Amino acid sequence: MTPSEFYLDVTQLFVDNYKYVKNEIIPENILKQNLVGVETQAKKYKWGAIYILNSSSVLDQKAGLEYFNYKKRKAELYEQLAKEAEGTPRQLAAIGFVEDALRLYRELKDEENIERLAKWYQEIRGTGNFGTVQQELDQDHVKAVAENINKEIEAKSPQEILQTLSISQMFSSLEVIEKSSEESVSQNGSLRFFGNSVGTNLEIQLQNILLKKKESSFRFGKPMVFTIKSVYNG
């Protein structure tokens, strides 16, 4: 058992059974010892320190105390995590840590740190390294699909094309998309940086395609690839 696990287990034991042990323990002494553990863990495992702070905060609330400013210490630890990740392949994580720290300072209404972190966040938010995944398709299939797309574009209006897409198996329903988006964001904090709205961009893009189609034909000389990119939506 690691030191952080020990502090967490003991504190959680008191939290779960507080009504039975509240007359047998002195919460201040437990919290005091936990904070020693926080600083010890902060030197080598900051996440362990954050976990102890979370657990201690719950015990503090159970006891009706305001023994320590847990949020501020957590914000400071998130800042340290951000500094460690900044400028490395973990740049996206650094952005998330800055946002976490900023959120806590806002909850505390700490204007000085809010201003400082907001400036840092603006500087760092557009610097994430996003990956690209590519898979080349069979060229005969690509050619057949391209011909069908061209026929659809020539024969239908943007609204009709949208209707075709909406009844095909190409897209899930709006309800399914929105639910999936909400679940993904709740499970992955890094997705907070991306837009989650479904608008009329597709129709606009189709209209642009129709205009370009009149000027020149599509060229498929190079291998077609499916490219999945994470693009920041500012």
Protein backbone atom coordinates (compact mmCIF):
# COMPACT_ATOMS: atom_id res chain seq x y z
CA MET A 1 0.00 0.00 0.00
CA THR A 2 1.36 3.39 -1.00
CA PRO A 3 1.37 6.33 1.45
CA SER A 4 -1.36 8.12 -0.50
CA GLU A 5 -3.51 4.98 -0.46
CA PHE A 6 -3.05 4.72 3.31
CA TYR A 7 -4.20 8.30 3.89
CA LEU A 8 -7.12 7.81 1.51
CA ASP A 9 -8.25 4.54 3.10
CA VAL A 10 -8.07 5.84 6.66
CA THR A 11 -9.81 9.10 5.83
CA GLN A 12 -12.51 7.34 3.82
CA LEU A 13 -13.08 4.98 6.75
CA PHE A 14 -13.80 7.96 9.00
CA VAL A 15 -15.98 9.62 6.34
CA ASP A 16 -18.10 6.50 5.79
CA ASN A 17 -18.57 5.91 9.51
CA TYR A 18 -18.49 9.49 10.76
CA LYS A 19 -21.73 9.35 12.73
CA TYR A 20 -20.35 6.39 14.69
CA VAL A 21 -16.84 7.69 15.31
CA LYS A 22 -17.35 11.47 15.51
CA ASN A 23 -17.18 11.39 19.30
CA GLU A 24 -14.10 9.18 19.26
CA ILE A 25 -11.87 11.14 16.90
CA ILE A 26 -10.49 14.64 16.57
CA PRO A 27 -10.93 15.52 12.86
CA GLU A 28 -8.43 18.38 13.08
CA ASN A 29 -5.67 15.94 14.02
CA ILE A 30 -6.50 13.67 11.09
CA LEU A 31 -6.61 16.59 8.67
CA LYS A 32 -3.36 17.96 10.02
CA GLN A 33 -1.65 14.63 9.43
CA ASN A 34 -3.20 14.37 5.99
CA LEU A 35 -1.77 17.73 5.00
CA VAL A 36 1.68 16.51 5.97
CA GLY A 37 1.02 13.58 3.64
CA VAL A 38 -0.09 15.97 0.91
CA GLU A 39 3.20 17.85 0.95
CA THR A 40 5.19 14.62 1.06
CA GLN A 41 3.31 13.23 -1.93
CA ALA A 42 3.50 16.52 -3.83
CA LYS A 43 7.25 16.10 -4.15
CA LYS A 44 7.02 12.78 -6.01
CA TYR A 45 3.40 12.01 -6.94
CA LYS A 46 1.20 15.07 -7.31
CA TRP A 47 -1.88 13.07 -8.18
CA GLY A 48 -1.57 11.29 -4.83
CA ALA A 49 -1.51 14.68 -3.12
CA ILE A 50 -4.64 15.75 -5.02
CA TYR A 51 -6.45 12.55 -4.02
CA ILE A 52 -5.62 13.14 -0.36
CA LEU A 53 -6.87 16.73 -0.62
CA ASN A 54 -10.15 15.53 -2.12
CA SER A 55 -10.71 12.99 0.63
CA SER A 56 -9.69 15.43 3.36
CA SER A 57 -12.10 18.03 2.02
CA VAL A 58 -15.00 15.58 2.41
CA LEU A 59 -14.03 14.81 6.03
CA ASP A 60 -13.67 18.53 6.70
CA GLN A 61 -17.22 19.12 5.43
CA LYS A 62 -18.57 16.21 7.48
CA ALA A 63 -17.04 17.73 10.59
CA GLY A 64 -18.36 21.19 9.76
CA LEU A 65 -14.88 22.68 9.75
CA GLU A 66 -13.00 25.03 7.47
CA TYR A 67 -9.63 23.70 8.43
CA PHE A 68 -7.77 24.29 5.17
CA ASN A 69 -8.13 25.84 1.71
CA TYR A 70 -8.10 22.58 -0.22
CA LYS A 71 -9.13 24.12 -3.54
CA LYS A 72 -6.26 26.57 -3.59
CA ARG A 73 -3.69 23.86 -2.87
CA LYS A 74 -5.21 21.69 -5.61
CA ALA A 75 -5.02 24.61 -8.04
CA GLU A 76 -1.34 25.06 -7.21
CA LEU A 77 -0.71 21.37 -7.85
CA TYR A 78 -2.52 21.54 -11.19
CA GLU A 79 -0.30 24.48 -12.10
CA GLN A 80 2.77 22.40 -11.30
CA LEU A 81 1.45 19.52 -13.40
CA ALA A 82 0.87 21.96 -16.26
CA LYS A 83 4.42 23.30 -16.05
CA GLU A 84 5.82 19.77 -16.12
CA ALA A 85 3.77 18.87 -19.21
CA GLU A 86 4.15 22.16 -21.11
CA GLY A 87 6.44 21.98 -24.12
CA THR A 88 6.43 18.16 -24.15
CA PRO A 89 4.38 15.61 -26.13
CA ARG A 90 1.91 15.97 -23.24
CA GLN A 91 1.10 19.55 -24.25
CA LEU A 92 -2.62 18.82 -24.49
CA ALA A 93 -2.58 17.59 -20.89
CA ALA A 94 -0.85 20.83 -19.87
CA ILE A 95 -3.74 22.79 -21.37
CA GLY A 96 -6.20 20.73 -19.35
CA PHE A 97 -4.27 21.26 -16.12
CA VAL A 98 -4.22 25.03 -16.65
CA GLU A 99 -7.97 24.94 -17.19
CA ASP A 100 -8.46 22.89 -14.00
CA ALA A 101 -6.42 25.37 -11.98
CA LEU A 102 -8.29 28.30 -13.50
CA ARG A 103 -11.64 26.70 -12.68
CA LEU A 104 -10.65 26.32 -9.01
CA TYR A 105 -9.41 29.91 -8.76
CA ARG A 106 -12.71 31.06 -10.21
CA GLU A 107 -14.61 29.06 -7.60
CA LEU A 108 -12.48 30.79 -4.97
CA LYS A 109 -13.01 34.20 -6.62
CA ASP A 110 -9.24 34.67 -6.46
CA GLU A 111 -9.05 37.57 -8.91
CA GLU A 112 -5.26 37.87 -8.97
CA ASN A 113 -4.74 34.22 -9.86
CA ILE A 114 -7.73 34.23 -12.22
CA GLU A 115 -6.13 37.01 -14.24
CA ARG A 116 -2.73 35.29 -14.25
CA LEU A 117 -4.10 31.86 -15.23
CA ALA A 118 -6.47 33.30 -17.84
CA LYS A 119 -3.48 34.90 -19.57
CA TRP A 120 -1.52 31.66 -19.41
CA TYR A 121 -4.50 29.73 -20.73
CA GLN A 122 -4.83 32.05 -23.73
CA GLU A 123 -1.15 31.58 -24.48
CA ILE A 124 -1.17 27.80 -24.20
CA ARG A 125 -4.61 26.82 -25.50
CA GLY A 126 -3.70 26.82 -29.20
CA THR A 127 -0.45 24.89 -28.82
CA GLY A 128 -1.76 21.33 -28.50
CA ASN A 129 -0.17 18.67 -30.70
CA PHE A 130 -2.95 16.83 -32.53
CA GLY A 131 -2.49 13.56 -34.36
CA THR A 132 -3.48 12.37 -37.83
CA VAL A 133 -4.58 8.82 -38.69
CA GLN A 134 -4.64 7.76 -42.33
CA GLN A 135 -5.82 4.64 -44.16
CA GLU A 136 -5.51 4.28 -47.95
CA LEU A 137 -8.55 2.87 -49.74
CA ASP A 138 -8.83 0.54 -52.72
CA GLN A 139 -8.59 2.77 -55.80
CA ASP A 140 -11.29 0.97 -57.81
CA HIS A 141 -13.70 1.48 -54.96
CA VAL A 142 -12.62 5.11 -54.65
CA LYS A 143 -13.30 5.70 -58.34
CA ALA A 144 -16.76 4.14 -58.15
CA VAL A 145 -17.68 6.17 -55.06
CA ALA A 146 -16.37 9.38 -56.67
CA GLU A 147 -18.50 8.79 -59.77
CA ASN A 148 -21.61 8.24 -57.65
CA ILE A 149 -20.90 11.39 -55.64
CA ASN A 150 -20.50 13.44 -58.82
CA LYS A 151 -23.81 12.13 -60.16
CA GLU A 152 -25.59 13.02 -56.91
CA ILE A 153 -24.08 16.52 -56.89
CA GLU A 154 -25.03 17.18 -60.49
CA ALA A 155 -28.58 15.86 -60.14
CA LYS A 156 -29.64 17.21 -56.73
CA SER A 157 -29.84 20.47 -54.84
CA PRO A 158 -28.01 20.93 -51.50
CA GLN A 159 -31.27 20.33 -49.63
CA GLU A 160 -31.91 17.09 -51.53
CA ILE A 161 -28.37 15.90 -50.88
CA LEU A 162 -28.81 16.58 -47.16
CA GLN A 163 -32.05 14.59 -47.24
CA THR A 164 -30.24 11.68 -48.89
CA LEU A 165 -27.54 11.76 -46.25
CA SER A 166 -30.04 12.02 -43.39
CA ILE A 167 -31.89 8.83 -44.38
CA SER A 168 -28.73 6.86 -45.12
CA GLN A 169 -26.70 4.88 -42.58
CA MET A 170 -23.85 7.35 -42.92
CA PHE A 171 -24.83 9.37 -39.84
CA SER A 172 -26.43 8.56 -36.50
CA SER A 173 -29.46 10.51 -35.38
CA LEU A 174 -28.93 13.92 -33.77
CA GLU A 175 -30.03 12.48 -30.42
CA VAL A 176 -27.46 9.69 -30.63
CA ILE A 177 -24.73 12.13 -31.67
CA GLU A 178 -25.49 14.54 -28.82
CA LYS A 179 -25.65 11.71 -26.25
CA SER A 180 -22.38 10.26 -27.50
CA SER A 181 -20.77 13.71 -27.36
CA GLU A 182 -21.90 14.27 -23.77
CA GLU A 183 -20.63 10.84 -22.69
CA SER A 184 -17.28 11.37 -24.43
CA VAL A 185 -16.72 14.76 -22.81
CA SER A 186 -17.61 13.41 -19.36
CA GLN A 187 -15.08 10.57 -19.79
CA ASN A 188 -12.30 12.54 -21.44
CA GLY A 189 -11.45 16.02 -20.20
CA SER A 190 -9.31 16.85 -23.21
CA LEU A 191 -12.44 16.89 -25.39
CA ARG A 192 -13.47 20.09 -23.67
CA PHE A 193 -11.39 21.96 -26.22
CA PHE A 194 -13.54 20.97 -29.16
CA GLY A 195 -16.89 22.28 -30.38
CA ASN A 196 -19.98 20.10 -29.84
CA SER A 197 -22.64 21.83 -31.94
CA VAL A 198 -24.35 20.40 -35.02
CA GLY A 199 -25.26 23.20 -37.43
CA THR A 200 -25.82 23.94 -41.10
CA ASN A 201 -22.17 23.78 -42.12
CA LEU A 202 -22.79 20.69 -44.23
CA GLU A 203 -25.30 22.50 -46.42
CA ILE A 204 -22.93 25.43 -46.83
CA GLN A 205 -20.14 23.05 -47.82
CA LEU A 206 -22.39 21.35 -50.35
CA GLN A 207 -23.30 24.69 -51.88
CA ASN A 208 -19.61 25.52 -52.19
CA ILE A 209 -19.00 22.16 -53.87
CA LEU A 210 -21.71 22.90 -56.41
CA LEU A 211 -20.13 26.27 -57.22
CA LYS A 212 -16.68 24.74 -57.59
CA LYS A 213 -18.14 21.95 -59.72
CA LYS A 214 -19.18 24.51 -62.33
CA GLU A 215 -15.65 25.84 -62.52
CA SER A 216 -13.67 22.63 -62.66
CA SER A 217 -14.10 18.88 -62.33
CA PHE A 218 -12.93 16.83 -59.38
CA ARG A 219 -9.46 15.34 -59.59
CA PHE A 220 -8.68 11.98 -58.05
CA GLY A 221 -5.14 11.48 -59.35
CA LYS A 222 -3.71 10.92 -55.89
CA PRO A 223 -4.68 8.08 -53.53
CA MET A 224 -7.69 9.05 -51.45
CA VAL A 225 -7.28 8.65 -47.70
CA PHE A 226 -9.58 8.97 -44.75
CA THR A 227 -8.00 11.52 -42.45
CA ILE A 228 -9.17 12.00 -38.89
CA LYS A 229 -7.91 15.26 -37.45
CA SER A 230 -8.44 17.00 -34.18
CA VAL A 231 -8.87 20.69 -35.02
CA TYR A 232 -9.19 23.30 -32.39
CA ASN A 233 -12.46 25.19 -32.57
CA GLY A 234 -11.59 28.65 -31.25
